[in-house]
Amino acid sequence: MSTQAAGPRVIRLKKLTERLGLSRSTIYDRMNPKSPRHDVTFPRPINLGGRAIGWIDSEITDWIEIHVQENVRG
């Protein structure tokens, strides 16, 4: 029997940096429209309350898959 709850899984910044292999500052640059590394396709974080944020795991997976496909084509 699986112990995972149904529904979207949220990952925090530490797990996101490990998963993407990007630094914290690079992730925030991807989200910042004023940054030269801004990426409009990068998933936006969700507010978890207070100052805590997280990202929907499935949105991160989709973003990775899109970039893999672009690199295979390119």
PDB file of N, CA and C in Angstrom:
ATOM      1  N   MET A   1       0.839  -1.183   0.000  1.00  0.00           N
ATOM      2  CA  MET A   1       0.000   0.000   0.000  1.00  0.00           C
ATOM      3  C   MET A   1       0.886   1.249   0.000  1.00  0.00           C
ATOM      4  N   SER A   2       0.538   2.233  -0.813  1.00  0.00           N
ATOM      5  CA  SER A   2       1.311   3.462  -0.929  1.00  0.00           C
ATOM      6  C   SER A   2       1.004   4.392   0.232  1.00  0.00           C
ATOM      7  N   THR A   3       2.044   5.072   0.719  1.00  0.00           N
ATOM      8  CA  THR A   3       1.857   6.026   1.811  1.00  0.00           C
ATOM      9  C   THR A   3       1.731   7.448   1.309  1.00  0.00           C
ATOM     10  N   GLN A   4       1.848   7.656  -0.010  1.00  0.00           N
ATOM     11  CA  GLN A   4       1.735   9.005  -0.562  1.00  0.00           C
ATOM     12  C   GLN A   4       0.274   9.429  -0.612  1.00  0.00           C
ATOM     13  N   ALA A   5       0.038  10.694  -0.280  1.00  0.00           N
ATOM     14  CA  ALA A   5      -1.303  11.248  -0.346  1.00  0.00           C
ATOM     15  C   ALA A   5      -1.659  11.556  -1.791  1.00  0.00           C
ATOM     16  N   ALA A   6      -2.942  11.462  -2.086  1.00  0.00           N
ATOM     17  CA  ALA A   6      -3.406  11.798  -3.429  1.00  0.00           C
ATOM     18  C   ALA A   6      -3.365  13.308  -3.604  1.00  0.00           C
ATOM     19  N   GLY A   7      -3.233  13.739  -4.845  1.00  0.00           N
ATOM     20  CA  GLY A   7      -3.227  15.165  -5.127  1.00  0.00           C
ATOM     21  C   GLY A   7      -1.839  15.675  -5.417  1.00  0.00           C
ATOM     22  N   PRO A   8      -1.723  16.970  -5.668  1.00  0.00           N
ATOM     23  CA  PRO A   8      -0.439  17.563  -6.024  1.00  0.00           C
ATOM     24  C   PRO A   8       0.567  17.476  -4.870  1.00  0.00           C
ATOM     25  N   ARG A   9       1.804  17.263  -5.234  1.00  0.00           N
ATOM     26  CA  ARG A   9       2.893  17.236  -4.261  1.00  0.00           C
ATOM     27  C   ARG A   9       3.649  18.555  -4.362  1.00  0.00           C
ATOM     28  N   VAL A  10       3.944  19.164  -3.233  1.00  0.00           N
ATOM     29  CA  VAL A  10       4.661  20.432  -3.185  1.00  0.00           C
ATOM     30  C   VAL A  10       6.091  20.164  -2.737  1.00  0.00           C
ATOM     31  N   ILE A  11       7.042  20.768  -3.456  1.00  0.00           N
ATOM     32  CA  ILE A  11       8.436  20.649  -3.044  1.00  0.00           C
ATOM     33  C   ILE A  11       8.967  22.020  -2.660  1.00  0.00           C
ATOM     34  N   ARG A  12       9.833  22.022  -1.686  1.00  0.00           N
ATOM     35  CA  ARG A  12      10.418  23.264  -1.201  1.00  0.00           C
ATOM     36  C   ARG A  12      11.703  23.563  -1.962  1.00  0.00           C
ATOM     37  N   LEU A  13      12.284  24.732  -1.701  1.00  0.00           N
ATOM     38  CA  LEU A  13      13.428  25.224  -2.455  1.00  0.00           C
ATOM     39  C   LEU A  13      14.628  24.281  -2.408  1.00  0.00           C
ATOM     40  N   LYS A  14      14.930  23.718  -1.252  1.00  0.00           N
ATOM     41  CA  LYS A  14      16.094  22.832  -1.146  1.00  0.00           C
ATOM     42  C   LYS A  14      15.954  21.637  -2.088  1.00  0.00           C
ATOM     43  N   LYS A  15      14.785  21.013  -2.105  1.00  0.00           N
ATOM     44  CA  LYS A  15      14.538  19.872  -2.978  1.00  0.00           C
ATOM     45  C   LYS A  15      14.550  20.308  -4.446  1.00  0.00           C
ATOM     46  N   LEU A  16      14.029  21.511  -4.715  1.00  0.00           N
ATOM     47  CA  LEU A  16      14.007  22.035  -6.078  1.00  0.00           C
ATOM     48  C   LEU A  16      15.426  22.247  -6.603  1.00  0.00           C
ATOM     49  N   THR A  17      16.293  22.812  -5.776  1.00  0.00           N
ATOM     50  CA  THR A  17      17.680  23.029  -6.212  1.00  0.00           C
ATOM     51  C   THR A  17      18.370  21.694  -6.489  1.00  0.00           C
ATOM     52  N   GLU A  18      18.099  20.689  -5.664  1.00  0.00           N
ATOM     53  CA  GLU A  18      18.682  19.365  -5.887  1.00  0.00           C
ATOM     54  C   GLU A  18      18.153  18.740  -7.167  1.00  0.00           C
ATOM     55  N   ARG A  19      16.870  18.872  -7.383  1.00  0.00           N
ATOM     56  CA  ARG A  19      16.229  18.255  -8.550  1.00  0.00           C
ATOM     57  C   ARG A  19      16.677  18.888  -9.862  1.00  0.00           C
ATOM     58  N   LEU A  20      16.809  20.214  -9.878  1.00  0.00           N
ATOM     59  CA  LEU A  20      17.156  20.916 -11.114  1.00  0.00           C
ATOM     60  C   LEU A  20      18.657  21.071 -11.313  1.00  0.00           C
ATOM     61  N   GLY A  21      19.408  20.973 -10.242  1.00  0.00           N
ATOM     62  CA  GLY A  21      20.844  21.220 -10.348  1.00  0.00           C
ATOM     63  C   GLY A  21      21.149  22.691 -10.546  1.00  0.00           C
ATOM     64  N   LEU A  22      20.236  23.545 -10.114  1.00  0.00           N
ATOM     65  CA  LEU A  22      20.403  24.993 -10.205  1.00  0.00           C
ATOM     66  C   LEU A  22      20.517  25.569  -8.808  1.00  0.00           C
ATOM     67  N   SER A  23      21.243  26.667  -8.691  1.00  0.00           N
ATOM     68  CA  SER A  23      21.370  27.324  -7.395  1.00  0.00           C
ATOM     69  C   SER A  23      20.094  28.093  -7.067  1.00  0.00           C
ATOM     70  N   ARG A  24      19.981  28.455  -5.800  1.00  0.00           N
ATOM     71  CA  ARG A  24      18.848  29.249  -5.328  1.00  0.00           C
ATOM     72  C   ARG A  24      18.749  30.548  -6.120  1.00  0.00           C
ATOM     73  N   SER A  25      19.884  31.227  -6.306  1.00  0.00           N
ATOM     74  CA  SER A  25      19.863  32.515  -7.006  1.00  0.00           C
ATOM     75  C   SER A  25      19.465  32.357  -8.473  1.00  0.00           C
ATOM     76  N   THR A  26      19.864  31.267  -9.110  1.00  0.00           N
ATOM     77  CA  THR A  26      19.482  31.023 -10.504  1.00  0.00           C
ATOM     78  C   THR A  26      17.987  30.772 -10.615  1.00  0.00           C
ATOM     79  N   ILE A  27      17.432  30.034  -9.659  1.00  0.00           N
ATOM     80  CA  ILE A  27      15.984  29.775  -9.662  1.00  0.00           C
ATOM     81  C   ILE A  27      15.225  31.093  -9.541  1.00  0.00           C
ATOM     82  N   TYR A  28      15.652  31.946  -8.613  1.00  0.00           N
ATOM     83  CA  TYR A  28      14.978  33.240  -8.459  1.00  0.00           C
ATOM     84  C   TYR A  28      15.202  34.136  -9.676  1.00  0.00           C
ATOM     85  N   ASP A  29      16.364  34.038 -10.318  1.00  0.00           N
ATOM     86  CA  ASP A  29      16.588  34.780 -11.572  1.00  0.00           C
ATOM     87  C   ASP A  29      15.631  34.323 -12.656  1.00  0.00           C
ATOM     88  N   ARG A  30      15.371  33.037 -12.733  1.00  0.00           N
ATOM     89  CA  ARG A  30      14.433  32.514 -13.738  1.00  0.00           C
ATOM     90  C   ARG A  30      13.036  33.093 -13.550  1.00  0.00           C
ATOM     91  N   MET A  31      12.681  33.428 -12.303  1.00  0.00           N
ATOM     92  CA  MET A  31      11.348  33.968 -12.011  1.00  0.00           C
ATOM     93  C   MET A  31      11.292  35.490 -12.105  1.00  0.00           C
ATOM     94  N   ASN A  32      12.439  36.164 -12.116  1.00  0.00           N
ATOM     95  CA  ASN A  32      12.497  37.623 -12.069  1.00  0.00           C
ATOM     96  C   ASN A  32      12.469  38.228 -13.480  1.00  0.00           C
ATOM     97  N   PRO A  33      11.407  38.949 -13.826  1.00  0.00           N
ATOM     98  CA  PRO A  33      11.312  39.541 -15.161  1.00  0.00           C
ATOM     99  C   PRO A  33      12.435  40.535 -15.486  1.00  0.00           C
ATOM    100  N   LYS A  34      13.094  41.083 -14.486  1.00  0.00           N
ATOM    101  CA  LYS A  34      14.168  42.045 -14.720  1.00  0.00           C
ATOM    102  C   LYS A  34      15.524  41.374 -14.908  1.00  0.00           C
ATOM    103  N   SER A  35      15.585  40.058 -14.723  1.00  0.00           N
ATOM    104  CA  SER A  35      16.843  39.330 -14.849  1.00  0.00           C
ATOM    105  C   SER A  35      17.094  38.909 -16.298  1.00  0.00           C
ATOM    106  N   PRO A  36      18.356  38.916 -16.733  1.00  0.00           N
ATOM    107  CA  PRO A  36      18.649  38.412 -18.087  1.00  0.00           C
ATOM    108  C   PRO A  36      18.417  36.906 -18.203  1.00  0.00           C
ATOM    109  N   ARG A  37      18.325  36.206 -17.078  1.00  0.00           N
ATOM    110  CA  ARG A  37      18.053  34.761 -17.095  1.00  0.00           C
ATOM    111  C   ARG A  37      16.569  34.449 -16.899  1.00  0.00           C
ATOM    112  N   HIS A  38      15.716  35.458 -16.990  1.00  0.00           N
ATOM    113  CA  HIS A  38      14.272  35.261 -16.789  1.00  0.00           C
ATOM    114  C   HIS A  38      13.726  34.239 -17.782  1.00  0.00           C
ATOM    115  N   ASP A  39      12.872  33.373 -17.291  1.00  0.00           N
ATOM    116  CA  ASP A  39      12.238  32.347 -18.124  1.00  0.00           C
ATOM    117  C   ASP A  39      10.743  32.378 -17.830  1.00  0.00           C
ATOM    118  N   VAL A  40       9.970  32.877 -18.787  1.00  0.00           N
ATOM    119  CA  VAL A  40       8.524  33.003 -18.578  1.00  0.00           C
ATOM    120  C   VAL A  40       7.840  31.646 -18.407  1.00  0.00           C
ATOM    121  N   THR A  41       8.491  30.576 -18.829  1.00  0.00           N
ATOM    122  CA  THR A  41       7.895  29.247 -18.713  1.00  0.00           C
ATOM    123  C   THR A  41       8.206  28.579 -17.374  1.00  0.00           C
ATOM    124  N   PHE A  42       9.079  29.188 -16.570  1.00  0.00           N
ATOM    125  CA  PHE A  42       9.443  28.569 -15.292  1.00  0.00           C
ATOM    126  C   PHE A  42       8.250  28.608 -14.343  1.00  0.00           C
ATOM    127  N   PRO A  43       7.932  27.478 -13.710  1.00  0.00           N
ATOM    128  CA  PRO A  43       6.762  27.432 -12.818  1.00  0.00           C
ATOM    129  C   PRO A  43       6.856  28.420 -11.661  1.00  0.00           C
ATOM    130  N   ARG A  44       5.739  29.044 -11.375  1.00  0.00           N
ATOM    131  CA  ARG A  44       5.663  29.998 -10.269  1.00  0.00           C
ATOM    132  C   ARG A  44       5.461  29.242  -8.957  1.00  0.00           C
ATOM    133  N   PRO A  45       6.035  29.746  -7.887  1.00  0.00           N
ATOM    134  CA  PRO A  45       5.819  29.103  -6.589  1.00  0.00           C
ATOM    135  C   PRO A  45       4.426  29.423  -6.045  1.00  0.00           C
ATOM    136  N   ILE A  46       4.002  28.622  -5.091  1.00  0.00           N
ATOM    137  CA  ILE A  46       2.738  28.890  -4.415  1.00  0.00           C
ATOM    138  C   ILE A  46       3.049  29.275  -2.971  1.00  0.00           C
ATOM    139  N   ASN A  47       2.182  30.084  -2.404  1.00  0.00           N
ATOM    140  CA  ASN A  47       2.339  30.521  -1.018  1.00  0.00           C
ATOM    141  C   ASN A  47       1.834  29.422  -0.098  1.00  0.00           C
ATOM    142  N   LEU A  48       2.679  29.007   0.849  1.00  0.00           N
ATOM    143  CA  LEU A  48       2.306  27.962   1.803  1.00  0.00           C
ATOM    144  C   LEU A  48       1.947  28.544   3.162  1.00  0.00           C
ATOM    145  N   GLY A  49       1.961  29.856   3.270  1.00  0.00           N
ATOM    146  CA  GLY A  49       1.645  30.513   4.532  1.00  0.00           C
ATOM    147  C   GLY A  49       2.876  31.187   5.109  1.00  0.00           C
ATOM    148  N   GLY A  50       2.679  32.332   5.694  1.00  0.00           N
ATOM    149  CA  GLY A  50       3.813  33.084   6.221  1.00  0.00           C
ATOM    150  C   GLY A  50       4.769  33.424   5.099  1.00  0.00           C
ATOM    151  N   ARG A  51       6.042  33.107   5.301  1.00  0.00           N
ATOM    152  CA  ARG A  51       7.047  33.371   4.264  1.00  0.00           C
ATOM    153  C   ARG A  51       7.434  32.108   3.514  1.00  0.00           C
ATOM    154  N   ALA A  52       6.713  31.041   3.711  1.00  0.00           N
ATOM    155  CA  ALA A  52       7.037  29.759   3.076  1.00  0.00           C
ATOM    156  C   ALA A  52       6.410  29.659   1.687  1.00  0.00           C
ATOM    157  N   ILE A  53       7.215  29.183   0.724  1.00  0.00           N
ATOM    158  CA  ILE A  53       6.713  28.935  -0.621  1.00  0.00           C
ATOM    159  C   ILE A  53       7.151  27.548  -1.053  1.00  0.00           C
ATOM    160  N   GLY A  54       6.493  27.047  -2.074  1.00  0.00           N
ATOM    161  CA  GLY A  54       6.850  25.755  -2.644  1.00  0.00           C
ATOM    162  C   GLY A  54       6.404  25.707  -4.087  1.00  0.00           C
ATOM    163  N   TRP A  55       6.840  24.683  -4.784  1.00  0.00           N
ATOM    164  CA  TRP A  55       6.494  24.500  -6.185  1.00  0.00           C
ATOM    165  C   TRP A  55       5.746  23.189  -6.352  1.00  0.00           C
ATOM    166  N   ILE A  56       4.793  23.168  -7.269  1.00  0.00           N
ATOM    167  CA  ILE A  56       4.046  21.945  -7.571  1.00  0.00           C
ATOM    168  C   ILE A  56       4.977  21.027  -8.353  1.00  0.00           C
ATOM    169  N   ASP A  57       5.192  19.839  -7.819  1.00  0.00           N
ATOM    170  CA  ASP A  57       6.138  18.889  -8.394  1.00  0.00           C
ATOM    171  C   ASP A  57       5.812  18.560  -9.853  1.00  0.00           C
ATOM    172  N   SER A  58       4.553  18.374 -10.169  1.00  0.00           N
ATOM    173  CA  SER A  58       4.178  18.020 -11.545  1.00  0.00           C
ATOM    174  C   SER A  58       4.476  19.164 -12.523  1.00  0.00           C
ATOM    175  N   GLU A  59       4.376  20.413 -12.071  1.00  0.00           N
ATOM    176  CA  GLU A  59       4.709  21.554 -12.928  1.00  0.00           C
ATOM    177  C   GLU A  59       6.207  21.590 -13.207  1.00  0.00           C
ATOM    178  N   ILE A  60       7.010  21.239 -12.220  1.00  0.00           N
ATOM    179  CA  ILE A  60       8.458  21.176 -12.405  1.00  0.00           C
ATOM    180  C   ILE A  60       8.799  20.063 -13.388  1.00  0.00           C
ATOM    181  N   THR A  61       8.149  18.909 -13.234  1.00  0.00           N
ATOM    182  CA  THR A  61       8.375  17.789 -14.154  1.00  0.00           C
ATOM    183  C   THR A  61       8.035  18.191 -15.579  1.00  0.00           C
ATOM    184  N   ASP A  62       6.910  18.862 -15.774  1.00  0.00           N
ATOM    185  CA  ASP A  62       6.507  19.320 -17.113  1.00  0.00           C
ATOM    186  C   ASP A  62       7.541  20.289 -17.687  1.00  0.00           C
ATOM    187  N   TRP A  63       8.034  21.207 -16.862  1.00  0.00           N
ATOM    188  CA  TRP A  63       9.026  22.191 -17.311  1.00  0.00           C
ATOM    189  C   TRP A  63      10.312  21.489 -17.739  1.00  0.00           C
ATOM    190  N   ILE A  64      10.740  20.514 -16.972  1.00  0.00           N
ATOM    191  CA  ILE A  64      11.944  19.748 -17.324  1.00  0.00           C
ATOM    192  C   ILE A  64      11.737  19.026 -18.653  1.00  0.00           C
ATOM    193  N   GLU A  65      10.600  18.359 -18.818  1.00  0.00           N
ATOM    194  CA  GLU A  65      10.325  17.606 -20.045  1.00  0.00           C
ATOM    195  C   GLU A  65      10.309  18.512 -21.275  1.00  0.00           C
ATOM    196  N   ILE A  66       9.750  19.707 -21.146  1.00  0.00           N
ATOM    197  CA  ILE A  66       9.735  20.658 -22.266  1.00  0.00           C
ATOM    198  C   ILE A  66      11.162  21.030 -22.659  1.00  0.00           C
ATOM    199  N   HIS A  67      12.007  21.296 -21.667  1.00  0.00           N
ATOM    200  CA  HIS A  67      13.391  21.679 -21.966  1.00  0.00           C
ATOM    201  C   HIS A  67      14.200  20.515 -22.538  1.00  0.00           C
ATOM    202  N   VAL A  68      13.915  19.320 -22.105  1.00  0.00           N
ATOM    203  CA  VAL A  68      14.587  18.148 -22.671  1.00  0.00           C
ATOM    204  C   VAL A  68      14.195  18.003 -24.142  1.00  0.00           C
ATOM    205  N   GLN A  69      12.908  18.141 -24.450  1.00  0.00           N
ATOM    206  CA  GLN A  69      12.439  18.040 -25.833  1.00  0.00           C
ATOM    207  C   GLN A  69      13.055  19.136 -26.710  1.00  0.00           C
ATOM    208  N   GLU A  70      13.165  20.348 -26.173  1.00  0.00           N
ATOM    209  CA  GLU A  70      13.764  21.440 -26.943  1.00  0.00           C
ATOM    210  C   GLU A  70      15.232  21.150 -27.246  1.00  0.00           C
ATOM    211  N   ASN A  71      15.942  20.569 -26.286  1.00  0.00           N
ATOM    212  CA  ASN A  71      17.351  20.262 -26.498  1.00  0.00           C
ATOM    213  C   ASN A  71      17.541  19.102 -27.457  1.00  0.00           C
ATOM    214  N   VAL A  72      16.624  18.166 -27.479  1.00  0.00           N
ATOM    215  CA  VAL A  72      16.712  17.040 -28.422  1.00  0.00           C
ATOM    216  C   VAL A  72      16.478  17.545 -29.847  1.00  0.00           C
ATOM    217  N   ARG A  73      15.509  18.455 -30.009  1.00  0.00           N
ATOM    218  CA  ARG A  73      15.201  19.011 -31.333  1.00  0.00           C
ATOM    219  C   ARG A  73      16.291  19.963 -31.824  1.00  0.00           C
ATOM    220  N   GLY A  74      16.851  20.725 -30.871  1.00  0.00           N
ATOM    221  CA  GLY A  74      17.728  21.823 -31.218  1.00  0.00           C
ATOM    222  C   GLY A  74      19.097  21.438 -31.577  1.00  0.00           C
TER     223      GLY A  74
END
